[in-house]
């Protein structure tokens, strides 16, 4: 139909932590959802998968972005901006980008807090 029913899954080191709401019938979804999660001291990356919900079969992966621990160290004030989606399946072409804000906040009892805001995509 030329549109998708997108939602996002946020994973920390390949463990699904967050699922946004589905935005129906659009290629330019707006979520504006903010989440806070505790990070393990040994975490390696935060991945955001953009999915297409499908009622009749398995949901499709539109693409993903991966923010590594090193990227977060390079941006001590956090990262905010558009990131291009990359493919999950090497046989699939991916177009699109996602607007995120990601920051790691100070320790709470030795554990750091990740604040992730999933804003929009196109």
Protein backbone atom coordinates (compact mmCIF):
# COMPACT_ATOMS: atom_id res chain seq x y z
CA UNK A 1 0.00 0.00 0.00
CA UNK A 2 3.05 2.27 0.07
CA UNK A 3 3.01 2.71 3.83
CA UNK A 4 4.11 0.88 6.95
CA UNK A 5 2.93 0.36 10.51
CA UNK A 6 6.25 1.17 12.22
CA UNK A 7 7.35 0.71 15.80
CA UNK A 8 10.78 0.46 17.44
CA UNK A 9 12.44 -2.06 19.68
CA UNK A 10 15.38 -0.86 21.80
CA UNK A 11 17.90 -3.53 22.73
CA UNK A 12 20.87 -3.32 25.05
CA UNK A 13 23.47 -5.94 24.10
CA UNK A 14 20.83 -7.86 22.13
CA UNK A 15 18.30 -7.95 25.00
CA UNK A 16 15.00 -6.28 24.13
CA UNK A 17 14.27 -3.61 26.74
CA UNK A 18 11.68 -1.27 25.18
CA UNK A 19 8.96 -1.40 22.52
CA UNK A 20 7.42 1.83 21.30
CA UNK A 21 3.83 2.23 20.23
CA UNK A 22 2.92 1.35 16.64
CA UNK A 23 2.17 4.31 14.38
CA UNK A 24 -0.32 3.10 11.78
CA UNK A 25 -0.12 3.62 8.01
CA UNK A 26 2.81 6.03 7.66
CA UNK A 27 6.34 6.30 6.32
CA UNK A 28 7.10 9.27 8.62
CA UNK A 29 6.14 8.15 12.13
CA UNK A 30 6.38 10.38 15.19
CA UNK A 31 6.79 8.66 18.56
CA UNK A 32 8.23 11.27 20.94
CA UNK A 33 8.68 8.55 23.57
CA UNK A 34 11.36 8.80 26.27
CA UNK A 35 12.69 5.89 28.30
CA UNK A 36 15.20 5.48 31.12
CA UNK A 37 16.91 2.17 31.85
CA UNK A 38 19.78 1.12 34.09
CA UNK A 39 22.92 0.05 32.24
CA UNK A 40 25.16 -2.76 33.34
CA UNK A 41 28.77 -1.55 33.72
CA UNK A 42 29.83 -4.03 31.01
CA UNK A 43 27.29 -3.01 28.32
CA UNK A 44 28.61 -2.80 24.74
CA UNK A 45 25.87 -1.27 22.61
CA UNK A 46 22.34 0.07 22.33
CA UNK A 47 20.49 -0.98 19.16
CA UNK A 48 17.23 0.47 17.89
CA UNK A 49 15.32 -1.69 15.42
CA UNK A 50 12.62 -0.08 13.29
CA UNK A 51 9.95 -2.69 12.64
CA UNK A 52 6.84 -2.91 10.43
CA UNK A 53 3.94 -4.53 12.27
CA UNK A 54 2.10 -7.14 10.20
CA UNK A 55 -1.11 -8.69 11.49
CA UNK A 56 -1.01 -11.66 9.09
CA UNK A 57 2.64 -12.72 9.30
CA UNK A 58 5.88 -12.07 11.14
CA UNK A 59 6.74 -8.38 11.59
CA UNK A 60 9.33 -7.09 9.11
CA UNK A 61 12.57 -5.40 10.11
CA UNK A 62 12.86 -2.09 8.25
CA UNK A 63 16.37 -1.38 9.54
CA UNK A 64 18.41 -0.63 12.64
CA UNK A 65 20.92 1.73 14.18
CA UNK A 66 23.57 0.71 16.67
CA UNK A 67 25.10 3.10 19.19
CA UNK A 68 28.22 1.65 20.73
CA UNK A 69 29.66 2.36 24.14
CA UNK A 70 32.59 4.12 22.37
CA UNK A 71 30.18 6.47 20.54
CA UNK A 72 28.61 7.42 23.86
CA UNK A 73 32.07 8.06 25.37
CA UNK A 74 32.83 10.37 22.41
CA UNK A 75 29.63 12.35 23.18
CA UNK A 76 29.68 12.86 26.97
CA UNK A 77 26.73 15.28 26.72
CA UNK A 78 24.78 12.65 24.80
CA UNK A 79 23.97 12.20 21.12
CA UNK A 80 21.04 13.90 19.44
CA UNK A 81 20.32 13.76 15.73
CA UNK A 82 19.35 11.74 12.69
CA UNK A 83 21.04 8.39 12.08
CA UNK A 84 20.74 6.39 8.85
CA UNK A 85 19.21 2.95 9.18
CA UNK A 86 21.41 0.01 8.25
CA UNK A 87 20.26 -3.37 7.01
CA UNK A 88 19.71 -6.35 9.27
CA UNK A 89 19.41 -8.78 6.35
CA UNK A 90 22.26 -8.30 3.82
CA UNK A 91 19.84 -9.18 0.99
CA UNK A 92 17.53 -6.27 1.83
CA UNK A 93 18.05 -2.68 0.72
CA UNK A 94 17.38 -0.16 3.48
CA UNK A 95 16.38 3.47 3.12
CA UNK A 96 15.47 5.77 5.93
CA UNK A 97 16.69 7.39 9.09
CA UNK A 98 15.65 7.79 12.69
CA UNK A 99 15.85 10.81 15.00
CA UNK A 100 17.13 9.91 18.47
CA UNK A 101 18.44 11.45 21.64
CA UNK A 102 20.63 9.16 23.73
CA UNK A 103 22.56 10.07 26.86
CA UNK A 104 24.20 8.23 29.71
CA UNK A 105 23.69 9.90 33.06
CA UNK A 106 25.75 9.65 36.24
CA UNK A 107 25.93 6.66 38.49
CA UNK A 108 23.17 5.64 40.84
CA UNK A 109 24.73 3.15 43.22
CA UNK A 110 27.43 2.33 40.69
CA UNK A 111 24.99 1.81 37.80
CA UNK A 112 24.61 4.28 34.99
CA UNK A 113 21.26 5.43 33.66
CA UNK A 114 20.55 5.48 29.92
CA UNK A 115 17.99 8.02 28.74
CA UNK A 116 16.77 7.19 25.23
CA UNK A 117 14.27 9.36 23.38
CA UNK A 118 12.85 7.85 20.18
CA UNK A 119 11.51 10.89 18.34
CA UNK A 120 10.62 10.17 14.71
CA UNK A 121 11.69 8.47 11.50
CA UNK A 122 11.49 9.00 7.79
